[in-house]
């Protein structure tokens, strides 16, 4: 055991050494005659015990003890203060300063000293264990276990402190939220271990890129947050975001896979006092906007984004109420043959109660997709559409009228969707050969395997597949070849142009001829006047749909029209 004895009195040092010698134990003893010598000795060697005299010239033992503790020197070493002073306040001060024990010089005996040394060692061991446990608890409380970054709780507290004291800062405080694009796909295709590798490697890349060590946290999932202070303007903030996005320039490596990914960043700047909650909310709104733009983009927060966000929030609340209470209806718009004399099919269109948001049905559908509520809401629409269609067929005996149901792109990714449609059709005694499933080309853009499999399953069950809104910006001939399409619905924007635009008329003629040549039926949407009817009939369009023939209506009204031969 290595012992450092620090005492300016030689007689006292000899008494201590004799007491140690008489114990019969072996000690390595080094002597120092002042606090300064003691510091030098501690810097040169490692000691298990420091026996420290309180009363010394220039710097007393308590001052030396406080120096050792403030500089985290000799942390694993037990320190015993030896003094002639019996003042209880001194004892308390020494213990508070970090001494493990205090021994009066006139009580220094071999037995007493050895007992004091053993107790002090046990105390320092316990203290170190408690300190280590505290550090572990602190680490768990402040750090993300996967990446080692700060967690949400620490980040929010640190940001709050920074904002409280921001008067002393030059420039802006900038908060950025970053979300990895398509992260769910990485987890779904390669497993969560692959996702974890991407998260950890991204964290390491950012730590290497920003030597200035910004406040950097993982808030959860694939969402990260950053705080930069003293940013001079928005251009500087944008440059920082580009550095963050450059972390995705190189692929991530997992097993034998190269994972290419991108990210979206929301940015908010603040030059005056605000709250951490407001800044995080603003950055989140901006990030949501960035997600809707091209990949690998950053977006700044502004008031128009906030208005858009709160409108979505309002629609969300109304939508959740509708879903909870099943408080919506399904209307039907008739689709006629090319002569306009016979109903071929009806399209189911959702209608919701008018709330404070005054949102249209289309807005509700878009909101349900953004909020990932479409799977639940979409299934409810399918369920109600089939039930009302069954009512129409039973009341009118119109077994030759088909039902067309719209599906969201997100619904098409659901491999269990076909089983649900089959189940509901069986429950309502609906012949699946009379069911048409409408999808937009947006659903087909990714050439997703799950999308193709779902459509094949639906087709194999007997349903027909219709491609909706054909003739808009995303139209691609390849979709007609790669997917099991039976019907193409020509978008109303194309039909509208045919009245005065000969090029549009020629395009309609060409599309219709081509589609019929590959055995695909055509439906003209948005037929609203006699001129539209004439153009579509000349082009040979198979079916006509629009306000000229009939608006969407409740099932009871449609049944009445059919029974009274109003169509």
Protein backbone atom coordinates (compact mmCIF):
# COMPACT_ATOMS: atom_id res chain seq x y z
CA UNK A 1 0.00 0.00 0.00
CA UNK A 2 1.41 3.39 -1.00
CA UNK A 3 1.04 6.13 1.60
CA UNK A 4 1.91 9.80 1.30
CA UNK A 5 2.56 11.52 4.62
CA UNK A 6 2.34 15.31 4.41
CA UNK A 7 3.44 17.08 7.62
CA UNK A 8 5.87 19.93 8.25
CA UNK A 9 6.82 18.57 11.75
CA UNK A 10 9.47 15.81 11.64
CA UNK A 11 8.55 14.50 15.12
CA UNK A 12 4.91 14.07 14.09
CA UNK A 13 5.96 12.27 10.91
CA UNK A 14 8.13 9.86 12.91
CA UNK A 15 5.26 9.10 15.30
CA UNK A 16 2.99 8.25 12.38
CA UNK A 17 5.64 6.08 10.72
CA UNK A 18 6.29 4.21 13.97
CA UNK A 19 2.56 3.55 14.41
CA UNK A 20 2.42 2.15 10.88
CA UNK A 21 5.56 0.03 11.45
CA UNK A 22 4.19 -1.42 14.68
CA UNK A 23 1.10 -2.66 12.91
CA UNK A 24 3.20 -5.39 11.30
CA UNK A 25 1.86 -4.50 7.85
CA UNK A 26 4.01 -3.44 4.92
CA UNK A 27 3.63 0.12 3.72
CA UNK A 28 5.42 2.16 1.09
CA UNK A 29 5.71 5.56 2.75
CA UNK A 30 6.72 8.78 1.05
CA UNK A 31 7.11 12.01 3.02
CA UNK A 32 6.38 15.61 2.12
CA UNK A 33 7.06 18.61 4.39
CA UNK A 34 4.61 21.09 2.81
CA UNK A 35 1.45 21.29 0.76
CA UNK A 36 3.50 22.23 -2.29
CA UNK A 37 5.74 19.18 -1.86
CA UNK A 38 2.65 17.06 -1.41
CA UNK A 39 1.21 18.25 -4.75
CA UNK A 40 4.52 17.48 -6.46
CA UNK A 41 4.61 13.98 -4.97
CA UNK A 42 1.02 13.29 -6.02
CA UNK A 43 1.81 14.42 -9.55
CA UNK A 44 4.75 11.96 -9.71
CA UNK A 45 3.30 8.84 -8.03
CA UNK A 46 0.03 7.11 -7.27
CA UNK A 47 -1.03 6.71 -3.65
CA UNK A 48 -3.67 4.69 -1.87
CA UNK A 49 -3.71 6.86 1.26
CA UNK A 50 -2.76 10.48 1.95
CA UNK A 51 -2.17 11.34 5.62
CA UNK A 52 -2.50 15.09 5.65
CA UNK A 53 -1.52 17.44 8.48
CA UNK A 54 -4.00 20.28 8.89
CA UNK A 55 -1.68 22.92 10.37
CA UNK A 56 1.12 23.76 7.89
CA UNK A 57 2.77 27.03 6.84
CA UNK A 58 1.81 28.88 3.61
CA UNK A 59 -0.97 26.45 2.73
CA UNK A 60 -2.74 24.31 5.30
CA UNK A 61 -4.03 20.79 4.80
CA UNK A 62 -7.63 21.86 4.20
CA UNK A 63 -6.54 24.18 1.39
CA UNK A 64 -4.49 21.38 -0.19
CA UNK A 65 -7.47 19.05 0.12
CA UNK A 66 -9.74 21.57 -1.64
CA UNK A 67 -7.15 21.98 -4.42
CA UNK A 68 -7.02 18.23 -4.97
CA UNK A 69 -10.80 17.90 -5.16
CA UNK A 70 -11.38 20.96 -7.35
CA UNK A 71 -8.88 19.67 -9.91
CA UNK A 72 -10.07 16.05 -9.65
CA UNK A 73 -6.61 14.97 -8.54
CA UNK A 74 -6.11 11.79 -6.54
CA UNK A 75 -9.78 10.76 -7.00
CA UNK A 76 -9.26 7.12 -6.00
CA UNK A 77 -7.09 8.01 -3.03
CA UNK A 78 -8.44 8.06 0.57
CA UNK A 79 -7.45 11.24 2.42
CA UNK A 80 -7.17 11.30 6.22
CA UNK A 81 -6.71 14.64 7.94
CA UNK A 82 -4.46 14.62 11.04
CA UNK A 83 -4.64 17.57 13.44
CA UNK A 84 -4.27 18.81 17.01
CA UNK A 85 -7.33 21.00 16.59
CA UNK A 86 -10.42 19.61 18.32
CA UNK A 87 -12.82 22.15 16.81
CA UNK A 88 -15.94 20.28 15.61
CA UNK A 89 -16.47 22.85 12.87
CA UNK A 90 -13.06 21.95 11.45
CA UNK A 91 -14.08 18.28 11.36
CA UNK A 92 -17.24 19.17 9.42
CA UNK A 93 -15.30 21.39 7.01
CA UNK A 94 -12.76 18.66 6.29
CA UNK A 95 -15.44 16.03 5.63
CA UNK A 96 -17.40 18.46 3.43
CA UNK A 97 -14.22 19.23 1.50
CA UNK A 98 -13.78 15.55 0.67
CA UNK A 99 -11.69 13.96 3.47
CA UNK A 100 -12.65 10.39 4.32
CA UNK A 101 -11.73 10.73 8.01
CA UNK A 102 -10.08 12.97 10.61
CA UNK A 103 -7.67 11.77 13.35
CA UNK A 104 -6.35 13.72 16.34
CA UNK A 105 -2.56 13.58 16.68
CA UNK A 106 -2.66 12.61 20.36
CA UNK A 107 -4.84 9.62 19.36
CA UNK A 108 -2.42 8.29 16.77
CA UNK A 109 -1.73 4.68 17.74
CA UNK A 110 -1.02 1.71 15.57
CA UNK A 111 -4.50 0.25 16.11
CA UNK A 112 -6.30 3.53 15.70
CA UNK A 113 -4.38 4.52 12.58
CA UNK A 114 -4.88 1.15 10.83
CA UNK A 115 -8.58 1.21 11.69
CA UNK A 116 -8.85 4.73 10.29
CA UNK A 117 -7.02 3.71 7.09
CA UNK A 118 -9.29 0.70 6.52
CA UNK A 119 -12.44 2.73 7.13
CA UNK A 120 -11.23 5.47 4.83
CA UNK A 121 -10.53 2.98 2.05
CA UNK A 122 -13.97 1.49 2.39
CA UNK A 123 -15.47 4.96 2.30
CA UNK A 124 -13.58 6.02 -0.82
CA UNK A 125 -14.57 2.76 -2.54
CA UNK A 126 -18.21 3.34 -1.65
CA UNK A 127 -17.98 6.97 -2.70
CA UNK A 128 -16.49 6.03 -6.06
CA UNK A 129 -19.20 3.41 -6.62
CA UNK A 130 -21.88 5.97 -5.80
CA UNK A 131 -20.24 8.50 -8.12
CA UNK A 132 -20.08 5.91 -10.90
CA UNK A 133 -23.74 4.99 -10.33
CA UNK A 134 -24.68 8.66 -10.40
CA UNK A 135 -22.82 9.14 -13.67
CA UNK A 136 -24.61 6.13 -15.15
CA UNK A 137 -28.00 7.43 -14.03
CA UNK A 138 -27.12 10.90 -15.34
CA UNK A 139 -26.05 9.34 -18.65
CA UNK A 140 -29.34 7.44 -18.91
CA UNK A 141 -31.30 10.57 -18.01
CA UNK A 142 -29.52 12.81 -20.53
CA UNK A 143 -28.30 10.57 -23.34
CA UNK A 144 -29.81 8.47 -26.10
CA UNK A 145 -28.61 4.91 -25.54
CA UNK A 146 -28.23 4.08 -29.25
CA UNK A 147 -26.28 7.09 -30.56
CA UNK A 148 -24.81 8.55 -27.37
CA UNK A 149 -26.32 11.93 -28.28
CA UNK A 150 -28.35 14.04 -25.89
CA UNK A 151 -31.99 13.00 -25.58
CA UNK A 152 -35.15 15.09 -25.90
CA UNK A 153 -35.37 15.93 -22.19
CA UNK A 154 -31.84 17.27 -21.96
CA UNK A 155 -32.15 19.09 -25.28
CA UNK A 156 -35.30 20.95 -24.29
CA UNK A 157 -33.85 21.95 -20.90
CA UNK A 158 -30.59 23.13 -22.48
CA UNK A 159 -32.44 25.11 -25.16
CA UNK A 160 -34.62 26.74 -22.50
CA UNK A 161 -31.53 27.84 -20.56
CA UNK A 162 -29.95 29.22 -23.73
CA UNK A 163 -33.06 31.21 -24.63
CA UNK A 164 -33.33 32.66 -21.12
CA UNK A 165 -29.78 34.01 -21.41
CA UNK A 166 -29.83 34.95 -25.08
CA UNK A 167 -29.39 38.69 -24.44
CA UNK A 168 -25.70 37.99 -24.01
CA UNK A 169 -25.52 36.33 -27.47
CA UNK A 170 -24.77 37.98 -30.78
CA UNK A 171 -26.84 36.98 -33.81
CA UNK A 172 -29.61 34.42 -33.91
CA UNK A 173 -30.36 31.25 -32.03
CA UNK A 174 -31.18 28.67 -34.69
CA UNK A 175 -33.06 25.42 -34.09
CA UNK A 176 -33.10 22.74 -36.77
CA UNK A 177 -35.05 19.50 -36.87
CA UNK A 178 -33.84 16.78 -39.24
CA UNK A 179 -35.83 13.73 -40.32
CA UNK A 180 -34.37 10.91 -42.43
CA UNK A 181 -36.41 10.34 -45.60
CA UNK A 182 -37.77 6.85 -46.13
CA UNK A 183 -36.37 5.55 -42.85
CA UNK A 184 -39.33 3.20 -42.36
CA UNK A 185 -38.49 1.56 -45.67
CA UNK A 186 -34.94 0.86 -44.44
CA UNK A 187 -36.30 -0.85 -41.32
CA UNK A 188 -38.96 -2.74 -43.26
CA UNK A 189 -36.64 -3.98 -46.00
CA UNK A 190 -33.39 -4.65 -44.12
CA UNK A 191 -34.50 -4.83 -40.47
CA UNK A 192 -34.15 -2.54 -37.48
CA UNK A 193 -30.45 -3.39 -37.12
CA UNK A 194 -29.84 -1.68 -40.46
CA UNK A 195 -31.80 1.35 -39.29
CA UNK A 196 -29.75 1.49 -36.10
CA UNK A 197 -26.52 1.45 -38.14
CA UNK A 198 -27.75 4.42 -40.19
CA UNK A 199 -28.70 6.38 -37.05
CA UNK A 200 -25.36 5.75 -35.32
CA UNK A 201 -23.28 6.45 -38.42
CA UNK A 202 -25.17 9.68 -39.12
CA UNK A 203 -24.55 10.82 -35.55
CA UNK A 204 -20.83 10.07 -35.92
CA UNK A 205 -20.63 11.94 -39.22
CA UNK A 206 -22.22 15.05 -37.75
CA UNK A 207 -19.97 14.95 -34.69
CA UNK A 208 -16.94 14.78 -36.99
CA UNK A 209 -18.25 17.55 -39.24
CA UNK A 210 -19.02 20.05 -36.48
CA UNK A 211 -15.92 20.48 -34.37
CA UNK A 212 -17.61 23.41 -32.62
CA UNK A 213 -19.91 20.85 -30.94
CA UNK A 214 -23.43 22.25 -31.35
CA UNK A 215 -26.20 21.10 -29.05
CA UNK A 216 -27.12 17.93 -30.90
CA UNK A 217 -29.81 15.45 -29.84
CA UNK A 218 -31.82 12.51 -31.05
CA UNK A 219 -35.43 13.25 -30.17
CA UNK A 220 -36.65 9.77 -31.06
CA UNK A 221 -36.95 7.48 -34.06
CA UNK A 222 -35.14 9.08 -36.99
CA UNK A 223 -35.65 12.67 -35.80
CA UNK A 224 -32.67 14.78 -34.71
CA UNK A 225 -32.46 18.31 -33.32
CA UNK A 226 -29.69 20.91 -33.41
CA UNK A 227 -29.15 24.30 -31.78
CA UNK A 228 -26.66 26.83 -33.11
CA UNK A 229 -26.14 30.19 -31.39
CA UNK A 230 -24.59 33.38 -32.74
CA UNK A 231 -25.73 32.69 -36.33
CA UNK A 232 -25.52 35.98 -38.25
CA UNK A 233 -28.38 35.52 -40.77
CA UNK A 234 -30.57 33.08 -42.68
CA UNK A 235 -27.86 32.47 -45.31
CA UNK A 236 -25.51 31.27 -42.58
CA UNK A 237 -28.27 29.04 -41.20
CA UNK A 238 -28.85 27.60 -44.67
CA UNK A 239 -25.13 26.89 -45.05
CA UNK A 240 -25.21 24.96 -41.76
CA UNK A 241 -28.20 22.92 -42.95
CA UNK A 242 -26.33 22.07 -46.16
CA UNK A 243 -23.44 20.75 -44.08
CA UNK A 244 -25.89 18.56 -42.21
CA UNK A 245 -27.46 17.30 -45.44
CA UNK A 246 -24.01 16.53 -46.85
CA UNK A 247 -23.77 13.78 -44.22
CA UNK A 248 -25.99 11.78 -46.56
CA UNK A 249 -23.80 12.22 -49.65
CA UNK A 250 -22.04 8.92 -49.01
CA UNK A 251 -24.03 5.69 -48.59
CA UNK A 252 -24.32 3.97 -45.24
CA UNK A 253 -23.01 0.43 -45.03
CA UNK A 254 -24.83 -2.45 -43.40
CA UNK A 255 -23.65 -6.02 -43.86
CA UNK A 256 -23.16 -6.21 -47.64
CA UNK A 257 -25.69 -3.49 -48.39
CA UNK A 258 -25.14 0.11 -49.38
CA UNK A 259 -27.96 2.27 -48.03
CA UNK A 260 -28.52 5.54 -49.89
CA UNK A 261 -30.62 8.00 -47.96
CA UNK A 262 -31.58 11.67 -47.80
CA UNK A 263 -33.05 13.96 -45.16
CA UNK A 264 -35.38 16.93 -44.68
CA UNK A 265 -34.64 19.84 -42.35
CA UNK A 266 -36.89 22.43 -40.76
CA UNK A 267 -35.22 25.67 -39.62
CA UNK A 268 -36.37 28.45 -37.31
CA UNK A 269 -34.41 31.55 -36.26
CA UNK A 270 -34.92 33.63 -33.15
CA UNK A 271 -33.30 36.92 -32.09
CA UNK A 272 -35.50 37.70 -29.09
CA UNK A 273 -36.83 35.81 -26.12
CA UNK A 274 -39.15 32.93 -26.90
CA UNK A 275 -39.74 29.43 -25.56
CA UNK A 276 -38.08 26.16 -26.50
CA UNK A 277 -41.53 24.70 -27.11
CA UNK A 278 -42.35 27.40 -29.69
CA UNK A 279 -39.04 27.00 -31.50
CA UNK A 280 -39.34 23.22 -31.70
CA UNK A 281 -42.91 23.54 -32.93
CA UNK A 282 -41.87 26.04 -35.62
CA UNK A 283 -38.95 23.86 -36.74
CA UNK A 284 -41.29 20.86 -36.88
CA UNK A 285 -43.77 22.76 -39.08
CA UNK A 286 -40.92 23.81 -41.40
CA UNK A 287 -39.60 20.24 -41.54
CA UNK A 288 -43.05 19.00 -42.50
CA UNK A 289 -43.01 21.49 -45.37
CA UNK A 290 -39.52 20.34 -46.42
CA UNK A 291 -40.80 16.77 -46.57
CA UNK A 292 -43.33 17.79 -49.21
CA UNK A 293 -40.66 19.36 -51.39
CA UNK A 294 -37.89 17.58 -53.28
CA UNK A 295 -35.72 15.29 -51.20
CA UNK A 296 -32.66 16.55 -49.35
CA UNK A 297 -34.14 19.99 -48.79
CA UNK A 298 -34.23 22.48 -45.93
CA UNK A 299 -37.16 24.81 -45.29
CA UNK A 300 -37.44 27.92 -43.10
CA UNK A 301 -40.41 28.51 -40.84
CA UNK A 302 -42.74 31.41 -41.66
CA UNK A 303 -46.23 32.47 -40.62
CA UNK A 304 -47.90 31.00 -43.72
CA UNK A 305 -46.55 27.59 -42.73
CA UNK A 306 -48.01 28.05 -39.27
CA UNK A 307 -51.45 28.85 -40.73
CA UNK A 308 -51.21 25.76 -42.92
CA UNK A 309 -50.15 23.66 -39.94
CA UNK A 310 -53.01 24.83 -37.74
CA UNK A 311 -55.50 24.24 -40.53
CA UNK A 312 -54.22 20.69 -40.80
CA UNK A 313 -54.47 20.41 -37.00
CA UNK A 314 -58.09 21.61 -37.14
CA UNK A 315 -58.93 19.16 -39.93
CA UNK A 316 -57.21 16.38 -38.02
CA UNK A 317 -59.41 16.94 -34.96
CA UNK A 318 -62.55 16.91 -37.11
CA UNK A 319 -61.34 13.83 -38.98
CA UNK A 320 -60.63 11.90 -35.79
CA UNK A 321 -64.13 12.72 -34.56
CA UNK A 322 -65.62 11.52 -37.87
CA UNK A 323 -63.68 8.27 -37.68
CA UNK A 324 -64.56 7.71 -34.04
CA UNK A 325 -68.28 8.28 -34.60
CA UNK A 326 -68.48 6.91 -38.18
CA UNK A 327 -70.02 10.30 -38.91
CA UNK A 328 -69.71 10.42 -42.68
CA UNK A 329 -71.75 9.43 -45.69
CA UNK A 330 -71.07 7.96 -49.13
CA UNK A 331 -72.65 9.56 -52.21
CA UNK A 332 -72.70 8.00 -55.66
CA UNK A 333 -72.15 9.58 -59.07
CA UNK A 334 -73.49 7.66 -62.10
CA UNK A 335 -71.23 6.65 -65.00
CA UNK A 336 -73.03 6.21 -68.34
CA UNK A 337 -72.38 4.38 -71.57
CA UNK A 338 -71.11 6.38 -74.54
CA UNK A 339 -74.63 7.29 -75.70
CA UNK A 340 -75.62 8.48 -72.24
CA UNK A 341 -78.63 6.19 -72.14
CA UNK A 342 -77.60 3.57 -69.62
CA UNK A 343 -75.86 3.56 -66.23
CA UNK A 344 -72.78 1.34 -66.44
CA UNK A 345 -71.36 2.04 -63.00
CA UNK A 346 -71.50 4.35 -59.98
CA UNK A 347 -68.53 5.94 -58.23
CA UNK A 348 -68.55 6.06 -54.43
CA UNK A 349 -67.52 9.49 -53.09
CA UNK A 350 -67.15 10.24 -49.39
CA UNK A 351 -69.05 13.16 -47.85
CA UNK A 352 -68.36 14.53 -44.38
CA UNK A 353 -70.24 16.92 -42.10
CA UNK A 354 -69.27 20.57 -42.52
CA UNK A 355 -67.09 21.56 -39.55
CA UNK A 356 -65.37 24.77 -38.52
CA UNK A 357 -62.55 24.08 -40.98
CA UNK A 358 -65.00 24.05 -43.94
CA UNK A 359 -62.68 21.39 -45.42
CA UNK A 360 -63.70 19.66 -48.64
CA UNK A 361 -63.83 15.86 -48.88
CA UNK A 362 -60.60 15.97 -50.91
CA UNK A 363 -58.88 17.90 -48.10
CA UNK A 364 -60.03 15.33 -45.56
CA UNK A 365 -58.62 12.51 -47.68
CA UNK A 366 -55.30 14.34 -48.13
CA UNK A 367 -55.17 15.04 -44.39
CA UNK A 368 -55.92 11.39 -43.57
CA UNK A 369 -52.97 10.40 -45.78
CA UNK A 370 -50.62 12.91 -44.18
CA UNK A 371 -51.67 11.81 -40.71
CA UNK A 372 -51.53 8.09 -41.57
CA UNK A 373 -55.23 7.72 -40.74
CA UNK A 374 -56.15 6.62 -44.24
CA UNK A 375 -55.91 2.89 -43.54
CA UNK A 376 -58.61 3.08 -40.87
CA UNK A 377 -60.70 5.71 -42.65
CA UNK A 378 -60.27 4.06 -46.06
CA UNK A 379 -61.51 0.71 -44.79
CA UNK A 380 -64.53 2.40 -43.25
CA UNK A 381 -65.31 4.00 -46.63
CA UNK A 382 -65.00 0.64 -48.40
CA UNK A 383 -67.26 -0.95 -45.79
CA UNK A 384 -69.97 1.70 -46.09
CA UNK A 385 -69.72 1.88 -49.91
CA UNK A 386 -70.31 -1.87 -50.28
CA UNK A 387 -73.19 -1.82 -47.81
CA UNK A 388 -74.97 1.03 -49.61
CA UNK A 389 -74.24 -0.50 -53.01
CA UNK A 390 -75.82 -3.74 -51.83
CA UNK A 391 -78.86 -1.72 -50.75
CA UNK A 392 -79.08 -0.14 -54.24
CA UNK A 393 -78.80 -3.51 -56.03
CA UNK A 394 -81.45 -5.08 -53.80
CA UNK A 395 -83.87 -2.19 -54.24
CA UNK A 396 -83.45 -1.72 -58.00
CA UNK A 397 -82.48 -5.25 -59.09
CA UNK A 398 -79.67 -3.59 -61.07
CA UNK A 399 -77.17 -6.42 -61.01
CA UNK A 400 -75.40 -5.07 -64.08
CA UNK A 401 -74.31 -1.76 -62.46
CA UNK A 402 -70.72 -1.80 -61.18
CA UNK A 403 -69.40 -0.04 -58.07
CA UNK A 404 -66.22 2.02 -58.34
CA UNK A 405 -64.27 2.67 -55.11
CA UNK A 406 -61.28 5.01 -54.82
CA UNK A 407 -58.17 3.82 -52.98
CA UNK A 408 -55.42 6.02 -51.59
CA UNK A 409 -51.79 5.34 -52.64
CA UNK A 410 -51.06 4.48 -49.01
CA UNK A 411 -53.85 1.91 -48.92
CA UNK A 412 -52.37 0.10 -51.92
CA UNK A 413 -49.25 -0.69 -49.87
CA UNK A 414 -51.40 -2.77 -47.51
CA UNK A 415 -51.03 -6.45 -48.46
CA UNK A 416 -54.07 -7.28 -46.29
CA UNK A 417 -56.34 -4.90 -48.19
CA UNK A 418 -57.57 -7.51 -50.66
CA UNK A 419 -58.64 -9.87 -47.87
CA UNK A 420 -60.63 -7.03 -46.32
CA UNK A 421 -62.39 -6.21 -49.61
CA UNK A 422 -63.24 -9.88 -50.15
CA UNK A 423 -64.55 -10.19 -46.59
CA UNK A 424 -66.77 -7.09 -46.86
CA UNK A 425 -68.08 -8.09 -50.30
CA UNK A 426 -69.03 -11.51 -48.95
CA UNK A 427 -70.66 -9.95 -45.89
CA UNK A 428 -72.83 -7.71 -48.13
CA UNK A 429 -73.45 -10.39 -50.80
CA UNK A 430 -71.71 -8.29 -53.45
CA UNK A 431 -70.30 -9.95 -56.54
CA UNK A 432 -66.65 -8.89 -56.78
CA UNK A 433 -66.85 -8.87 -60.60
CA UNK A 434 -69.05 -5.78 -60.15
CA UNK A 435 -66.41 -3.96 -58.07
CA UNK A 436 -63.96 -1.53 -59.66
CA UNK A 437 -60.99 -0.34 -57.63
CA UNK A 438 -59.72 3.11 -58.66
CA UNK A 439 -56.10 4.11 -58.08
CA UNK A 440 -54.24 7.23 -59.14
CA UNK A 441 -50.88 7.15 -60.88
CA UNK A 442 -49.31 8.59 -57.72
CA UNK A 443 -49.75 5.12 -56.22
CA UNK A 444 -47.74 3.59 -59.05
CA UNK A 445 -44.83 6.05 -59.21
CA UNK A 446 -42.50 4.15 -56.87
CA UNK A 447 -42.90 0.87 -58.81
CA UNK A 448 -43.29 -0.65 -55.38
CA UNK A 449 -43.45 -4.47 -55.22
CA UNK A 450 -46.09 -4.33 -52.48
CA UNK A 451 -48.28 -2.11 -54.69
CA UNK A 452 -48.05 -4.52 -57.62
CA UNK A 453 -48.77 -7.53 -55.40
CA UNK A 454 -51.80 -5.84 -53.83
CA UNK A 455 -53.26 -4.93 -57.22
CA UNK A 456 -52.64 -8.46 -58.54
CA UNK A 457 -54.44 -9.90 -55.51
CA UNK A 458 -57.39 -7.55 -55.98
CA UNK A 459 -57.52 -8.43 -59.69
CA UNK A 460 -57.36 -12.17 -58.95
CA UNK A 461 -60.34 -11.81 -56.61
CA UNK A 462 -62.46 -10.72 -59.54
CA UNK A 463 -62.34 -6.93 -59.21
CA UNK A 464 -61.43 -4.60 -62.06
CA UNK A 465 -58.65 -2.02 -61.73
CA UNK A 466 -59.18 1.54 -62.96
CA UNK A 467 -56.40 4.10 -63.38
CA UNK A 468 -57.78 7.48 -62.31
CA UNK A 469 -56.84 11.03 -63.44
CA UNK A 470 -55.00 9.85 -66.55
CA UNK A 471 -53.78 12.78 -68.65
CA UNK A 472 -52.37 14.82 -65.75
CA UNK A 473 -48.70 15.45 -65.00
CA UNK A 474 -47.68 11.92 -63.98
CA UNK A 475 -49.16 9.98 -66.91
CA UNK A 476 -46.94 7.17 -68.13
CA UNK A 477 -47.59 4.52 -70.75
CA UNK A 478 -45.38 2.09 -68.79
CA UNK A 479 -48.00 1.92 -66.03
CA UNK A 480 -50.46 0.45 -68.51
CA UNK A 481 -47.96 -2.29 -69.32
CA UNK A 482 -46.64 -3.02 -65.82
CA UNK A 483 -49.91 -3.05 -63.85
CA UNK A 484 -53.17 -5.03 -64.36
CA UNK A 485 -55.22 -2.05 -65.58
CA UNK A 486 -58.71 -2.66 -67.02
CA UNK A 487 -60.07 0.89 -67.20
CA UNK A 488 -58.48 4.31 -67.68
CA UNK A 489 -60.31 7.41 -66.48
CA UNK A 490 -59.35 10.42 -68.60
CA UNK A 491 -58.92 13.47 -66.38
CA UNK A 492 -61.46 16.26 -66.67
CA UNK A 493 -58.68 18.80 -67.38
CA UNK A 494 -58.12 17.05 -70.72
CA UNK A 495 -61.86 16.87 -71.47
CA UNK A 496 -62.29 20.60 -70.74
CA UNK A 497 -59.58 21.54 -73.26
CA UNK A 498 -61.07 19.51 -76.09
CA UNK A 499 -63.84 22.05 -76.78
CA UNK A 500 -61.52 24.78 -78.13
CA UNK A 501 -58.16 23.01 -78.45
CA UNK A 502 -57.69 20.86 -81.56
CA UNK A 503 -54.43 19.45 -80.17
CA UNK A 504 -56.34 18.27 -77.07
CA UNK A 505 -59.01 16.74 -79.32
CA UNK A 506 -56.32 14.89 -81.28
CA UNK A 507 -54.76 13.68 -78.06
CA UNK A 508 -58.13 12.41 -76.81
CA UNK A 509 -58.67 10.59 -80.13
CA UNK A 510 -55.19 9.06 -79.96
CA UNK A 511 -55.40 8.01 -76.32
CA UNK A 512 -58.81 6.41 -76.79
CA UNK A 513 -57.69 4.52 -79.87
CA UNK A 514 -54.50 3.32 -78.20
CA UNK A 515 -56.27 2.21 -75.00
CA UNK A 516 -58.99 0.37 -76.84
CA UNK A 517 -56.29 -1.28 -78.94
CA UNK A 518 -54.87 -2.89 -75.80
CA UNK A 519 -58.36 -3.81 -74.50
CA UNK A 520 -58.58 -1.06 -71.88
CA UNK A 521 -61.95 0.65 -71.41
CA UNK A 522 -62.06 4.47 -71.18
CA UNK A 523 -64.08 6.80 -68.97
CA UNK A 524 -64.26 10.56 -69.58
CA UNK A 525 -64.43 12.49 -66.31
CA UNK A 526 -65.79 16.01 -65.97
CA UNK A 527 -68.37 15.81 -68.78
CA UNK A 528 -70.33 18.97 -68.00
CA UNK A 529 -71.88 20.11 -71.30
CA UNK A 530 -73.19 18.85 -74.62
CA UNK A 531 -69.95 19.87 -76.34
CA UNK A 532 -68.00 17.55 -74.02
CA UNK A 533 -70.39 14.72 -74.84
CA UNK A 534 -70.00 15.28 -78.57
CA UNK A 535 -66.19 15.32 -78.43
CA UNK A 536 -66.06 12.15 -76.31
CA UNK A 537 -68.54 10.34 -78.55
CA UNK A 538 -66.55 11.25 -81.68
CA UNK A 539 -63.40 9.96 -80.00
CA UNK A 540 -65.16 6.72 -79.09
CA UNK A 541 -64.79 7.05 -75.30
CA UNK A 542 -66.50 4.03 -73.69
CA UNK A 543 -68.11 5.70 -70.68
CA UNK A 544 -69.09 9.23 -69.62
CA UNK A 545 -69.16 10.74 -66.15
CA UNK A 546 -69.91 14.29 -65.08
CA UNK A 547 -72.46 16.87 -63.98
CA UNK A 548 -74.10 16.82 -67.42
CA UNK A 549 -75.47 13.40 -66.52
CA UNK A 550 -75.71 13.63 -62.76
CA UNK A 551 -74.05 14.96 -59.64
CA UNK A 552 -72.98 12.75 -56.70
CA UNK A 553 -76.09 11.97 -54.64
CA UNK A 554 -77.17 9.94 -51.59
CA UNK A 555 -78.02 6.32 -52.29
CA UNK A 556 -81.74 6.88 -51.60
CA UNK A 557 -81.89 9.61 -54.26
CA UNK A 558 -80.03 7.43 -56.75
CA UNK A 559 -82.37 4.50 -56.06
CA UNK A 560 -85.37 6.77 -56.64
CA UNK A 561 -83.92 8.04 -59.94
CA UNK A 562 -83.29 4.51 -61.18
CA UNK A 563 -86.75 3.24 -60.16
CA UNK A 564 -88.44 6.25 -61.78
CA UNK A 565 -86.29 5.87 -64.90
CA UNK A 566 -85.05 9.42 -64.46
CA UNK A 567 -81.75 8.40 -66.08
